[in-house]
């Protein structure tokens, strides 16, 4: 299976009712799943947001080695959300769903990240 790799700037967001954070649900109305819920086995994947214009389907799995290295385990990230800040950014930006504001400031999440998509 072929793999496509991209470099992206990461950022963190969290379920919250503010306009900046975008609410509690993903772009199709499903509950957002945080990295911390996933690590406690309370979610089957971690929600991430990317450019809605990308040619990738809702729920596409993306591997992010830098975050997996931090947590020393395989983590399933799925592209299920978007936001105005990502429109037109292509594969250069990704937003990782975290439990709260403090967790969203994680330096790895907010750094340069490798995105790996299987074809």
PDB file of N, CA and C in Angstrom:
ATOM      1  N   UNK A   1       0.844  -1.185   0.000  1.00  0.00           N
ATOM      2  CA  UNK A   1       0.000   0.000   0.000  1.00  0.00           C
ATOM      3  C   UNK A   1       0.887   1.246   0.000  1.00  0.00           C
ATOM      4  N   UNK A   2       0.603   2.177  -0.886  1.00  0.00           N
ATOM      5  CA  UNK A   2       1.368   3.417  -0.982  1.00  0.00           C
ATOM      6  C   UNK A   2       1.005   4.348   0.168  1.00  0.00           C
ATOM      7  N   UNK A   3       1.988   5.138   0.551  1.00  0.00           N
ATOM      8  CA  UNK A   3       1.757   6.113   1.610  1.00  0.00           C
ATOM      9  C   UNK A   3       2.077   7.501   1.068  1.00  0.00           C
ATOM     10  N   UNK A   4       1.246   8.462   1.448  1.00  0.00           N
ATOM     11  CA  UNK A   4       1.509   9.857   1.112  1.00  0.00           C
ATOM     12  C   UNK A   4       1.904  10.568   2.397  1.00  0.00           C
ATOM     13  N   UNK A   5       3.010  11.331   2.346  1.00  0.00           N
ATOM     14  CA  UNK A   5       3.508  12.046   3.520  1.00  0.00           C
ATOM     15  C   UNK A   5       3.499  13.545   3.255  1.00  0.00           C
ATOM     16  N   UNK A   6       3.132  14.284   4.287  1.00  0.00           N
ATOM     17  CA  UNK A   6       3.099  15.743   4.204  1.00  0.00           C
ATOM     18  C   UNK A   6       3.664  16.312   5.501  1.00  0.00           C
ATOM     19  N   UNK A   7       4.196  17.524   5.418  1.00  0.00           N
ATOM     20  CA  UNK A   7       4.607  18.259   6.618  1.00  0.00           C
ATOM     21  C   UNK A   7       3.541  19.308   6.892  1.00  0.00           C
ATOM     22  N   UNK A   8       3.122  19.410   8.138  1.00  0.00           N
ATOM     23  CA  UNK A   8       2.057  20.344   8.503  1.00  0.00           C
ATOM     24  C   UNK A   8       2.408  21.043   9.809  1.00  0.00           C
ATOM     25  N   UNK A   9       1.839  22.201   9.981  1.00  0.00           N
ATOM     26  CA  UNK A   9       1.897  22.898  11.264  1.00  0.00           C
ATOM     27  C   UNK A   9       0.710  22.420  12.084  1.00  0.00           C
ATOM     28  N   UNK A  10       0.983  21.917  13.261  1.00  0.00           N
ATOM     29  CA  UNK A  10      -0.080  21.446  14.132  1.00  0.00           C
ATOM     30  C   UNK A  10      -0.583  22.531  15.060  1.00  0.00           C
ATOM     31  N   UNK A  11      -1.772  22.293  15.574  1.00  0.00           N
ATOM     32  CA  UNK A  11      -2.351  23.143  16.614  1.00  0.00           C
ATOM     33  C   UNK A  11      -3.354  22.294  17.382  1.00  0.00           C
ATOM     34  N   UNK A  12      -3.705  22.755  18.553  1.00  0.00           N
ATOM     35  CA  UNK A  12      -4.662  22.035  19.369  1.00  0.00           C
ATOM     36  C   UNK A  12      -5.962  22.807  19.504  1.00  0.00           C
ATOM     37  N   UNK A  13      -7.057  22.073  19.610  1.00  0.00           N
ATOM     38  CA  UNK A  13      -8.359  22.680  19.925  1.00  0.00           C
ATOM     39  C   UNK A  13      -9.095  21.743  20.861  1.00  0.00           C
ATOM     40  N   UNK A  14     -10.191  22.203  21.402  1.00  0.00           N
ATOM     41  CA  UNK A  14     -10.910  21.394  22.388  1.00  0.00           C
ATOM     42  C   UNK A  14     -12.404  21.678  22.283  1.00  0.00           C
ATOM     43  N   UNK A  15     -13.231  20.703  22.688  1.00  0.00           N
ATOM     44  CA  UNK A  15     -14.686  20.905  22.648  1.00  0.00           C
ATOM     45  C   UNK A  15     -15.086  22.059  23.574  1.00  0.00           C
ATOM     46  N   UNK A  16     -15.696  23.080  22.989  1.00  0.00           N
ATOM     47  CA  UNK A  16     -16.091  24.256  23.753  1.00  0.00           C
ATOM     48  C   UNK A  16     -17.110  25.029  22.930  1.00  0.00           C
ATOM     49  N   UNK A  17     -17.987  25.747  23.582  1.00  0.00           N
ATOM     50  CA  UNK A  17     -19.051  26.467  22.909  1.00  0.00           C
ATOM     51  C   UNK A  17     -18.647  27.766  22.235  1.00  0.00           C
ATOM     52  N   UNK A  18     -17.389  28.182  22.354  1.00  0.00           N
ATOM     53  CA  UNK A  18     -16.966  29.451  21.762  1.00  0.00           C
ATOM     54  C   UNK A  18     -16.834  29.353  20.245  1.00  0.00           C
ATOM     55  N   UNK A  19     -16.915  30.489  19.570  1.00  0.00           N
ATOM     56  CA  UNK A  19     -16.739  30.533  18.115  1.00  0.00           C
ATOM     57  C   UNK A  19     -15.341  30.059  17.729  1.00  0.00           C
ATOM     58  N   UNK A  20     -14.327  30.431  18.502  1.00  0.00           N
ATOM     59  CA  UNK A  20     -12.951  30.061  18.196  1.00  0.00           C
ATOM     60  C   UNK A  20     -12.771  28.553  18.200  1.00  0.00           C
ATOM     61  N   UNK A  21     -13.309  27.878  19.184  1.00  0.00           N
ATOM     62  CA  UNK A  21     -13.132  26.434  19.295  1.00  0.00           C
ATOM     63  C   UNK A  21     -14.138  25.659  18.448  1.00  0.00           C
ATOM     64  N   UNK A  22     -15.280  26.227  18.160  1.00  0.00           N
ATOM     65  CA  UNK A  22     -16.193  25.627  17.197  1.00  0.00           C
ATOM     66  C   UNK A  22     -17.225  24.647  17.709  1.00  0.00           C
ATOM     67  N   UNK A  23     -17.374  24.497  18.999  1.00  0.00           N
ATOM     68  CA  UNK A  23     -18.429  23.645  19.516  1.00  0.00           C
ATOM     69  C   UNK A  23     -17.973  22.292  20.017  1.00  0.00           C
ATOM     70  N   UNK A  24     -18.937  21.379  20.108  1.00  0.00           N
ATOM     71  CA  UNK A  24     -18.701  20.061  20.709  1.00  0.00           C
ATOM     72  C   UNK A  24     -18.816  18.925  19.692  1.00  0.00           C
ATOM     73  N   UNK A  25     -19.165  19.271  18.459  1.00  0.00           N
ATOM     74  CA  UNK A  25     -19.401  18.240  17.453  1.00  0.00           C
ATOM     75  C   UNK A  25     -18.549  18.492  16.210  1.00  0.00           C
ATOM     76  N   UNK A  26     -18.280  17.411  15.477  1.00  0.00           N
ATOM     77  CA  UNK A  26     -17.493  17.545  14.261  1.00  0.00           C
ATOM     78  C   UNK A  26     -18.354  18.063  13.111  1.00  0.00           C
ATOM     79  N   UNK A  27     -17.823  18.098  11.902  1.00  0.00           N
ATOM     80  CA  UNK A  27     -18.538  18.729  10.787  1.00  0.00           C
ATOM     81  C   UNK A  27     -19.793  18.000  10.351  1.00  0.00           C
ATOM     82  N   UNK A  28     -19.964  16.730  10.763  1.00  0.00           N
ATOM     83  CA  UNK A  28     -21.194  16.005  10.444  1.00  0.00           C
ATOM     84  C   UNK A  28     -22.088  15.808  11.666  1.00  0.00           C
ATOM     85  N   UNK A  29     -21.732  16.451  12.776  1.00  0.00           N
ATOM     86  CA  UNK A  29     -22.582  16.407  13.959  1.00  0.00           C
ATOM     87  C   UNK A  29     -22.265  15.314  14.962  1.00  0.00           C
ATOM     88  N   UNK A  30     -21.176  14.571  14.756  1.00  0.00           N
ATOM     89  CA  UNK A  30     -20.764  13.551  15.738  1.00  0.00           C
ATOM     90  C   UNK A  30     -19.957  14.214  16.854  1.00  0.00           C
ATOM     91  N   UNK A  31     -19.978  13.618  18.021  1.00  0.00           N
ATOM     92  CA  UNK A  31     -19.227  14.119  19.174  1.00  0.00           C
ATOM     93  C   UNK A  31     -17.730  14.135  18.851  1.00  0.00           C
ATOM     94  N   UNK A  32     -17.068  15.218  19.241  1.00  0.00           N
ATOM     95  CA  UNK A  32     -15.613  15.275  19.085  1.00  0.00           C
ATOM     96  C   UNK A  32     -14.953  14.317  20.059  1.00  0.00           C
ATOM     97  N   UNK A  33     -13.935  13.627  19.600  1.00  0.00           N
ATOM     98  CA  UNK A  33     -13.174  12.704  20.446  1.00  0.00           C
ATOM     99  C   UNK A  33     -11.802  13.306  20.717  1.00  0.00           C
ATOM    100  N   UNK A  34     -11.455  13.438  21.990  1.00  0.00           N
ATOM    101  CA  UNK A  34     -10.183  14.056  22.356  1.00  0.00           C
ATOM    102  C   UNK A  34      -9.069  13.023  22.474  1.00  0.00           C
ATOM    103  N   UNK A  35      -7.850  13.521  22.367  1.00  0.00           N
ATOM    104  CA  UNK A  35      -6.673  12.678  22.539  1.00  0.00           C
ATOM    105  C   UNK A  35      -6.669  12.039  23.934  1.00  0.00           C
ATOM    106  N   UNK A  36      -7.073  12.799  24.930  1.00  0.00           N
ATOM    107  CA  UNK A  36      -7.065  12.285  26.303  1.00  0.00           C
ATOM    108  C   UNK A  36      -8.118  11.189  26.502  1.00  0.00           C
ATOM    109  N   UNK A  37      -9.297  11.334  25.864  1.00  0.00           N
ATOM    110  CA  UNK A  37     -10.306  10.266  25.929  1.00  0.00           C
ATOM    111  C   UNK A  37      -9.765   8.996  25.271  1.00  0.00           C
ATOM    112  N   UNK A  38      -9.110   9.162  24.141  1.00  0.00           N
ATOM    113  CA  UNK A  38      -8.538   8.018  23.430  1.00  0.00           C
ATOM    114  C   UNK A  38      -7.519   7.297  24.322  1.00  0.00           C
ATOM    115  N   UNK A  39      -6.663   8.058  24.979  1.00  0.00           N
ATOM    116  CA  UNK A  39      -5.618   7.464  25.824  1.00  0.00           C
ATOM    117  C   UNK A  39      -6.210   6.713  27.023  1.00  0.00           C
ATOM    118  N   UNK A  40      -7.427   7.058  27.416  1.00  0.00           N
ATOM    119  CA  UNK A  40      -8.108   6.369  28.526  1.00  0.00           C
ATOM    120  C   UNK A  40      -9.061   5.286  27.997  1.00  0.00           C
ATOM    121  N   UNK A  41      -8.934   4.953  26.706  1.00  0.00           N
ATOM    122  CA  UNK A  41      -9.795   3.944  26.057  1.00  0.00           C
ATOM    123  C   UNK A  41     -11.278   4.301  26.107  1.00  0.00           C
ATOM    124  N   UNK A  42     -11.574   5.617  26.049  1.00  0.00           N
ATOM    125  CA  UNK A  42     -12.972   6.061  26.045  1.00  0.00           C
ATOM    126  C   UNK A  42     -13.409   6.612  24.686  1.00  0.00           C
ATOM    127  N   UNK A  43     -12.536   6.458  23.689  1.00  0.00           N
ATOM    128  CA  UNK A  43     -12.860   6.872  22.316  1.00  0.00           C
ATOM    129  C   UNK A  43     -12.102   5.954  21.371  1.00  0.00           C
ATOM    130  N   UNK A  44     -12.723   5.639  20.218  1.00  0.00           N
ATOM    131  CA  UNK A  44     -12.048   4.725  19.291  1.00  0.00           C
ATOM    132  C   UNK A  44     -11.079   5.431  18.356  1.00  0.00           C
ATOM    133  N   UNK A  45     -11.117   6.787  18.342  1.00  0.00           N
ATOM    134  CA  UNK A  45     -10.180   7.571  17.532  1.00  0.00           C
ATOM    135  C   UNK A  45     -10.110   8.984  18.087  1.00  0.00           C
ATOM    136  N   UNK A  46      -9.136   9.754  17.586  1.00  0.00           N
ATOM    137  CA  UNK A  46      -8.987  11.159  17.954  1.00  0.00           C
ATOM    138  C   UNK A  46      -9.447  12.005  16.771  1.00  0.00           C
ATOM    139  N   UNK A  47     -10.329  12.967  17.025  1.00  0.00           N
ATOM    140  CA  UNK A  47     -10.813  13.879  15.989  1.00  0.00           C
ATOM    141  C   UNK A  47      -9.717  14.872  15.609  1.00  0.00           C
ATOM    142  N   UNK A  48      -9.557  15.098  14.303  1.00  0.00           N
ATOM    143  CA  UNK A  48      -8.668  16.151  13.823  1.00  0.00           C
ATOM    144  C   UNK A  48      -9.396  16.956  12.758  1.00  0.00           C
ATOM    145  N   UNK A  49      -8.982  18.208  12.615  1.00  0.00           N
ATOM    146  CA  UNK A  49      -9.572  19.109  11.633  1.00  0.00           C
ATOM    147  C   UNK A  49      -8.533  19.480  10.583  1.00  0.00           C
ATOM    148  N   UNK A  50      -8.997  19.507   9.324  1.00  0.00           N
ATOM    149  CA  UNK A  50      -8.142  19.925   8.207  1.00  0.00           C
ATOM    150  C   UNK A  50      -8.990  20.689   7.196  1.00  0.00           C
ATOM    151  N   UNK A  51      -8.362  21.108   6.124  1.00  0.00           N
ATOM    152  CA  UNK A  51      -9.004  21.866   5.048  1.00  0.00           C
ATOM    153  C   UNK A  51     -10.145  21.056   4.426  1.00  0.00           C
ATOM    154  N   UNK A  52     -11.344  21.601   4.428  1.00  0.00           N
ATOM    155  CA  UNK A  52     -12.525  20.930   3.878  1.00  0.00           C
ATOM    156  C   UNK A  52     -12.382  20.676   2.375  1.00  0.00           C
ATOM    157  N   UNK A  53     -11.527  21.432   1.710  1.00  0.00           N
ATOM    158  CA  UNK A  53     -11.349  21.295   0.261  1.00  0.00           C
ATOM    159  C   UNK A  53     -10.434  20.140  -0.139  1.00  0.00           C
ATOM    160  N   UNK A  54      -9.794  19.517   0.814  1.00  0.00           N
ATOM    161  CA  UNK A  54      -8.893  18.394   0.488  1.00  0.00           C
ATOM    162  C   UNK A  54      -9.682  17.227  -0.096  1.00  0.00           C
ATOM    163  N   UNK A  55      -9.073  16.473  -0.994  1.00  0.00           N
ATOM    164  CA  UNK A  55      -9.758  15.321  -1.596  1.00  0.00           C
ATOM    165  C   UNK A  55      -9.662  14.079  -0.710  1.00  0.00           C
ATOM    166  N   UNK A  56     -10.060  14.237   0.543  1.00  0.00           N
ATOM    167  CA  UNK A  56     -10.064  13.099   1.464  1.00  0.00           C
ATOM    168  C   UNK A  56     -11.455  12.976   2.090  1.00  0.00           C
ATOM    169  N   UNK A  57     -11.885  11.761   2.272  1.00  0.00           N
ATOM    170  CA  UNK A  57     -13.223  11.501   2.802  1.00  0.00           C
ATOM    171  C   UNK A  57     -13.290  11.742   4.308  1.00  0.00           C
ATOM    172  N   UNK A  58     -14.482  12.079   4.770  1.00  0.00           N
ATOM    173  CA  UNK A  58     -14.755  12.173   6.208  1.00  0.00           C
ATOM    174  C   UNK A  58     -14.354  10.849   6.857  1.00  0.00           C
ATOM    175  N   UNK A  59     -13.589  10.925   7.930  1.00  0.00           N
ATOM    176  CA  UNK A  59     -13.173   9.730   8.650  1.00  0.00           C
ATOM    177  C   UNK A  59     -11.861   9.131   8.185  1.00  0.00           C
ATOM    178  N   UNK A  60     -11.200   9.769   7.221  1.00  0.00           N
ATOM    179  CA  UNK A  60      -9.910   9.270   6.735  1.00  0.00           C
ATOM    180  C   UNK A  60      -8.916   9.219   7.892  1.00  0.00           C
ATOM    181  N   UNK A  61      -8.205   8.108   7.980  1.00  0.00           N
ATOM    182  CA  UNK A  61      -7.199   7.917   9.040  1.00  0.00           C
ATOM    183  C   UNK A  61      -5.883   8.576   8.620  1.00  0.00           C
ATOM    184  N   UNK A  62      -5.267   9.270   9.555  1.00  0.00           N
ATOM    185  CA  UNK A  62      -3.955   9.874   9.338  1.00  0.00           C
ATOM    186  C   UNK A  62      -3.058   9.495  10.511  1.00  0.00           C
ATOM    187  N   UNK A  63      -1.834   9.076  10.201  1.00  0.00           N
ATOM    188  CA  UNK A  63      -0.853   8.774  11.249  1.00  0.00           C
ATOM    189  C   UNK A  63      -0.017  10.020  11.495  1.00  0.00           C
ATOM    190  N   UNK A  64       0.296  10.264  12.770  1.00  0.00           N
ATOM    191  CA  UNK A  64       1.118  11.416  13.151  1.00  0.00           C
ATOM    192  C   UNK A  64       2.223  10.893  14.075  1.00  0.00           C
ATOM    193  N   UNK A  65       3.382  10.532  13.502  1.00  0.00           N
ATOM    194  CA  UNK A  65       4.444   9.885  14.284  1.00  0.00           C
ATOM    195  C   UNK A  65       4.940  10.685  15.487  1.00  0.00           C
ATOM    196  N   UNK A  66       5.016  12.001  15.375  1.00  0.00           N
ATOM    197  CA  UNK A  66       5.537  12.805  16.486  1.00  0.00           C
ATOM    198  C   UNK A  66       4.677  12.652  17.741  1.00  0.00           C
ATOM    199  N   UNK A  67       3.358  12.622  17.569  1.00  0.00           N
ATOM    200  CA  UNK A  67       2.470  12.471  18.732  1.00  0.00           C
ATOM    201  C   UNK A  67       2.506  11.032  19.231  1.00  0.00           C
ATOM    202  N   UNK A  68       2.539  10.070  18.322  1.00  0.00           N
ATOM    203  CA  UNK A  68       2.648   8.663  18.731  1.00  0.00           C
ATOM    204  C   UNK A  68       3.947   8.436  19.515  1.00  0.00           C
ATOM    205  N   UNK A  69       5.039   9.083  19.088  1.00  0.00           N
ATOM    206  CA  UNK A  69       6.314   8.958  19.808  1.00  0.00           C
ATOM    207  C   UNK A  69       6.206   9.520  21.223  1.00  0.00           C
ATOM    208  N   UNK A  70       5.519  10.669  21.360  1.00  0.00           N
ATOM    209  CA  UNK A  70       5.326  11.271  22.685  1.00  0.00           C
ATOM    210  C   UNK A  70       4.569  10.334  23.624  1.00  0.00           C
ATOM    211  N   UNK A  71       3.541   9.676  23.099  1.00  0.00           N
ATOM    212  CA  UNK A  71       2.686   8.816  23.923  1.00  0.00           C
ATOM    213  C   UNK A  71       3.117   7.354  23.890  1.00  0.00           C
ATOM    214  N   UNK A  72       4.130   7.066  23.092  1.00  0.00           N
ATOM    215  CA  UNK A  72       4.713   5.723  22.980  1.00  0.00           C
ATOM    216  C   UNK A  72       3.675   4.655  22.661  1.00  0.00           C
ATOM    217  N   UNK A  73       2.795   4.979  21.733  1.00  0.00           N
ATOM    218  CA  UNK A  73       1.818   4.000  21.260  1.00  0.00           C
ATOM    219  C   UNK A  73       1.193   4.471  19.951  1.00  0.00           C
ATOM    220  N   UNK A  74       0.598   3.545  19.233  1.00  0.00           N
ATOM    221  CA  UNK A  74      -0.127   3.871  18.011  1.00  0.00           C
ATOM    222  C   UNK A  74      -1.423   4.573  18.391  1.00  0.00           C
ATOM    223  N   UNK A  75      -1.735   5.650  17.681  1.00  0.00           N
ATOM    224  CA  UNK A  75      -2.952   6.430  17.945  1.00  0.00           C
ATOM    225  C   UNK A  75      -3.702   6.577  16.624  1.00  0.00           C
ATOM    226  N   UNK A  76      -5.001   6.351  16.639  1.00  0.00           N
ATOM    227  CA  UNK A  76      -5.798   6.514  15.426  1.00  0.00           C
ATOM    228  C   UNK A  76      -6.411   7.910  15.379  1.00  0.00           C
ATOM    229  N   UNK A  77      -5.895   8.716  14.468  1.00  0.00           N
ATOM    230  CA  UNK A  77      -6.425  10.051  14.209  1.00  0.00           C
ATOM    231  C   UNK A  77      -7.320   9.953  12.975  1.00  0.00           C
ATOM    232  N   UNK A  78      -8.477  10.607  13.005  1.00  0.00           N
ATOM    233  CA  UNK A  78      -9.375  10.630  11.853  1.00  0.00           C
ATOM    234  C   UNK A  78      -9.756  12.062  11.507  1.00  0.00           C
ATOM    235  N   UNK A  79      -9.711  12.377  10.219  1.00  0.00           N
ATOM    236  CA  UNK A  79     -10.085  13.704   9.738  1.00  0.00           C
ATOM    237  C   UNK A  79     -11.609  13.773   9.678  1.00  0.00           C
ATOM    238  N   UNK A  80     -12.198  14.447  10.663  1.00  0.00           N
ATOM    239  CA  UNK A  80     -13.659  14.528  10.771  1.00  0.00           C
ATOM    240  C   UNK A  80     -14.157  15.962  10.964  1.00  0.00           C
ATOM    241  N   UNK A  81     -13.242  16.913  11.004  1.00  0.00           N
ATOM    242  CA  UNK A  81     -13.645  18.277  11.321  1.00  0.00           C
ATOM    243  C   UNK A  81     -12.904  19.254  10.418  1.00  0.00           C
ATOM    244  N   UNK A  82     -13.333  20.498  10.452  1.00  0.00           N
ATOM    245  CA  UNK A  82     -12.711  21.555   9.664  1.00  0.00           C
ATOM    246  C   UNK A  82     -12.925  22.869  10.390  1.00  0.00           C
ATOM    247  N   UNK A  83     -12.457  23.932   9.807  1.00  0.00           N
ATOM    248  CA  UNK A  83     -12.654  25.262  10.378  1.00  0.00           C
ATOM    249  C   UNK A  83     -12.179  26.305   9.385  1.00  0.00           C
ATOM    250  N   UNK A  84     -12.618  27.524   9.561  1.00  0.00           N
ATOM    251  CA  UNK A  84     -12.259  28.604   8.642  1.00  0.00           C
ATOM    252  C   UNK A  84     -10.748  28.792   8.528  1.00  0.00           C
ATOM    253  N   UNK A  85     -10.007  28.556   9.608  1.00  0.00           N
ATOM    254  CA  UNK A  85      -8.558  28.758   9.598  1.00  0.00           C
ATOM    255  C   UNK A  85      -7.838  27.781   8.668  1.00  0.00           C
ATOM    256  N   UNK A  86      -8.523  26.718   8.255  1.00  0.00           N
ATOM    257  CA  UNK A  86      -7.894  25.693   7.426  1.00  0.00           C
ATOM    258  C   UNK A  86      -8.216  25.823   5.946  1.00  0.00           C
ATOM    259  N   UNK A  87      -9.229  26.596   5.606  1.00  0.00           N
ATOM    260  CA  UNK A  87      -9.664  26.722   4.217  1.00  0.00           C
ATOM    261  C   UNK A  87      -8.527  27.257   3.349  1.00  0.00           C
ATOM    262  N   UNK A  88      -8.194  26.492   2.322  1.00  0.00           N
ATOM    263  CA  UNK A  88      -7.133  26.882   1.410  1.00  0.00           C
ATOM    264  C   UNK A  88      -5.733  26.516   1.871  1.00  0.00           C
ATOM    265  N   UNK A  89      -5.605  25.880   3.025  1.00  0.00           N
ATOM    266  CA  UNK A  89      -4.280  25.524   3.570  1.00  0.00           C
ATOM    267  C   UNK A  89      -3.804  24.148   3.094  1.00  0.00           C
ATOM    268  N   UNK A  90      -4.691  23.383   2.478  1.00  0.00           N
ATOM    269  CA  UNK A  90      -4.294  22.063   1.988  1.00  0.00           C
ATOM    270  C   UNK A  90      -3.810  21.165   3.120  1.00  0.00           C
ATOM    271  N   UNK A  91      -2.697  20.497   2.864  1.00  0.00           N
ATOM    272  CA  UNK A  91      -2.138  19.565   3.848  1.00  0.00           C
ATOM    273  C   UNK A  91      -1.167  20.243   4.818  1.00  0.00           C
ATOM    274  N   UNK A  92      -1.070  21.579   4.786  1.00  0.00           N
ATOM    275  CA  UNK A  92      -0.062  22.266   5.598  1.00  0.00           C
ATOM    276  C   UNK A  92      -0.503  22.578   7.022  1.00  0.00           C
ATOM    277  N   UNK A  93      -1.771  22.322   7.352  1.00  0.00           N
ATOM    278  CA  UNK A  93      -2.288  22.615   8.696  1.00  0.00           C
ATOM    279  C   UNK A  93      -3.156  21.481   9.194  1.00  0.00           C
ATOM    280  N   UNK A  94      -3.056  21.195  10.497  1.00  0.00           N
ATOM    281  CA  UNK A  94      -3.911  20.198  11.136  1.00  0.00           C
ATOM    282  C   UNK A  94      -4.181  20.642  12.568  1.00  0.00           C
ATOM    283  N   UNK A  95      -5.392  20.396  13.038  1.00  0.00           N
ATOM    284  CA  UNK A  95      -5.813  20.750  14.391  1.00  0.00           C
ATOM    285  C   UNK A  95      -6.172  19.455  15.111  1.00  0.00           C
ATOM    286  N   UNK A  96      -5.548  19.218  16.257  1.00  0.00           N
ATOM    287  CA  UNK A  96      -5.740  17.995  17.036  1.00  0.00           C
ATOM    288  C   UNK A  96      -6.702  18.286  18.194  1.00  0.00           C
ATOM    289  N   UNK A  97      -7.739  17.469  18.348  1.00  0.00           N
ATOM    290  CA  UNK A  97      -8.717  17.676  19.407  1.00  0.00           C
ATOM    291  C   UNK A  97      -8.169  17.182  20.750  1.00  0.00           C
ATOM    292  N   UNK A  98      -8.162  18.077  21.724  1.00  0.00           N
ATOM    293  CA  UNK A  98      -7.667  17.770  23.066  1.00  0.00           C
ATOM    294  C   UNK A  98      -8.775  18.013  24.092  1.00  0.00           C
ATOM    295  N   UNK A  99      -8.523  17.621  25.330  1.00  0.00           N
ATOM    296  CA  UNK A  99      -9.549  17.670  26.373  1.00  0.00           C
ATOM    297  C   UNK A  99      -9.915  19.082  26.819  1.00  0.00           C
ATOM    298  N   UNK A 100      -8.946  19.993  26.812  1.00  0.00           N
ATOM    299  CA  UNK A 100      -9.194  21.324  27.352  1.00  0.00           C
ATOM    300  C   UNK A 100      -8.133  22.307  26.855  1.00  0.00           C
ATOM    301  N   UNK A 101      -8.277  23.537  27.264  1.00  0.00           N
ATOM    302  CA  UNK A 101      -7.353  24.600  26.824  1.00  0.00           C
ATOM    303  C   UNK A 101      -5.907  24.274  27.175  1.00  0.00           C
ATOM    304  N   UNK A 102      -5.672  23.838  28.382  1.00  0.00           N
ATOM    305  CA  UNK A 102      -4.301  23.524  28.817  1.00  0.00           C
ATOM    306  C   UNK A 102      -3.673  22.442  27.937  1.00  0.00           C
ATOM    307  N   UNK A 103      -4.414  21.365  27.705  1.00  0.00           N
ATOM    308  CA  UNK A 103      -3.902  20.268  26.867  1.00  0.00           C
ATOM    309  C   UNK A 103      -3.669  20.731  25.427  1.00  0.00           C
ATOM    310  N   UNK A 104      -4.466  21.703  24.968  1.00  0.00           N
ATOM    311  CA  UNK A 104      -4.334  22.185  23.588  1.00  0.00           C
ATOM    312  C   UNK A 104      -3.028  22.942  23.359  1.00  0.00           C
ATOM    313  N   UNK A 105      -2.344  23.305  24.423  1.00  0.00           N
ATOM    314  CA  UNK A 105      -1.082  24.053  24.326  1.00  0.00           C
ATOM    315  C   UNK A 105       0.145  23.148  24.238  1.00  0.00           C
ATOM    316  N   UNK A 106      -0.047  21.836  24.220  1.00  0.00           N
ATOM    317  CA  UNK A 106       1.065  20.877  24.156  1.00  0.00           C
ATOM    318  C   UNK A 106       2.036  21.271  23.042  1.00  0.00           C
ATOM    319  N   UNK A 107       3.344  21.361  23.354  1.00  0.00           N
ATOM    320  CA  UNK A 107       4.307  21.819  22.347  1.00  0.00           C
ATOM    321  C   UNK A 107       4.440  20.879  21.130  1.00  0.00           C
ATOM    322  N   UNK A 108       4.301  19.598  21.328  1.00  0.00           N
ATOM    323  CA  UNK A 108       4.380  18.682  20.188  1.00  0.00           C
ATOM    324  C   UNK A 108       3.191  18.900  19.256  1.00  0.00           C
ATOM    325  N   UNK A 109       1.990  18.972  19.824  1.00  0.00           N
ATOM    326  CA  UNK A 109       0.778  19.195  19.031  1.00  0.00           C
ATOM    327  C   UNK A 109       0.873  20.504  18.254  1.00  0.00           C
ATOM    328  N   UNK A 110       1.509  21.521  18.838  1.00  0.00           N
ATOM    329  CA  UNK A 110       1.609  22.838  18.218  1.00  0.00           C
ATOM    330  C   UNK A 110       2.884  23.037  17.411  1.00  0.00           C
ATOM    331  N   UNK A 111       3.561  21.972  17.109  1.00  0.00           N
ATOM    332  CA  UNK A 111       4.796  22.059  16.343  1.00  0.00           C
ATOM    333  C   UNK A 111       4.630  21.514  14.935  1.00  0.00           C
ATOM    334  N   UNK A 112       5.767  21.343  14.247  1.00  0.00           N
ATOM    335  CA  UNK A 112       5.720  20.730  12.922  1.00  0.00           C
ATOM    336  C   UNK A 112       5.406  19.241  13.056  1.00  0.00           C
ATOM    337  N   UNK A 113       4.481  18.754  12.247  1.00  0.00           N
ATOM    338  CA  UNK A 113       4.048  17.361  12.320  1.00  0.00           C
ATOM    339  C   UNK A 113       4.134  16.702  10.946  1.00  0.00           C
ATOM    340  N   UNK A 114       4.379  15.407  10.958  1.00  0.00           N
ATOM    341  CA  UNK A 114       4.363  14.602   9.746  1.00  0.00           C
ATOM    342  C   UNK A 114       2.987  13.942   9.660  1.00  0.00           C
ATOM    343  N   UNK A 115       2.341  14.073   8.517  1.00  0.00           N
ATOM    344  CA  UNK A 115       1.039  13.439   8.284  1.00  0.00           C
ATOM    345  C   UNK A 115       1.237  12.321   7.281  1.00  0.00           C
ATOM    346  N   UNK A 116       0.800  11.110   7.632  1.00  0.00           N
ATOM    347  CA  UNK A 116       0.953   9.963   6.736  1.00  0.00           C
ATOM    348  C   UNK A 116      -0.429   9.385   6.435  1.00  0.00           C
ATOM    349  N   UNK A 117      -0.763   9.381   5.162  1.00  0.00           N
ATOM    350  CA  UNK A 117      -2.033   8.838   4.680  1.00  0.00           C
ATOM    351  C   UNK A 117      -1.736   7.589   3.855  1.00  0.00           C
ATOM    352  N   UNK A 118      -2.479   6.507   4.105  1.00  0.00           N
ATOM    353  CA  UNK A 118      -2.387   5.304   3.276  1.00  0.00           C
ATOM    354  C   UNK A 118      -3.309   5.456   2.071  1.00  0.00           C
ATOM    355  N   UNK A 119      -2.852   5.007   0.944  1.00  0.00           N
ATOM    356  CA  UNK A 119      -3.716   5.021  -0.254  1.00  0.00           C
ATOM    357  C   UNK A 119      -4.428   3.708  -0.430  1.00  0.00           C
TER     358      UNK A 119
END
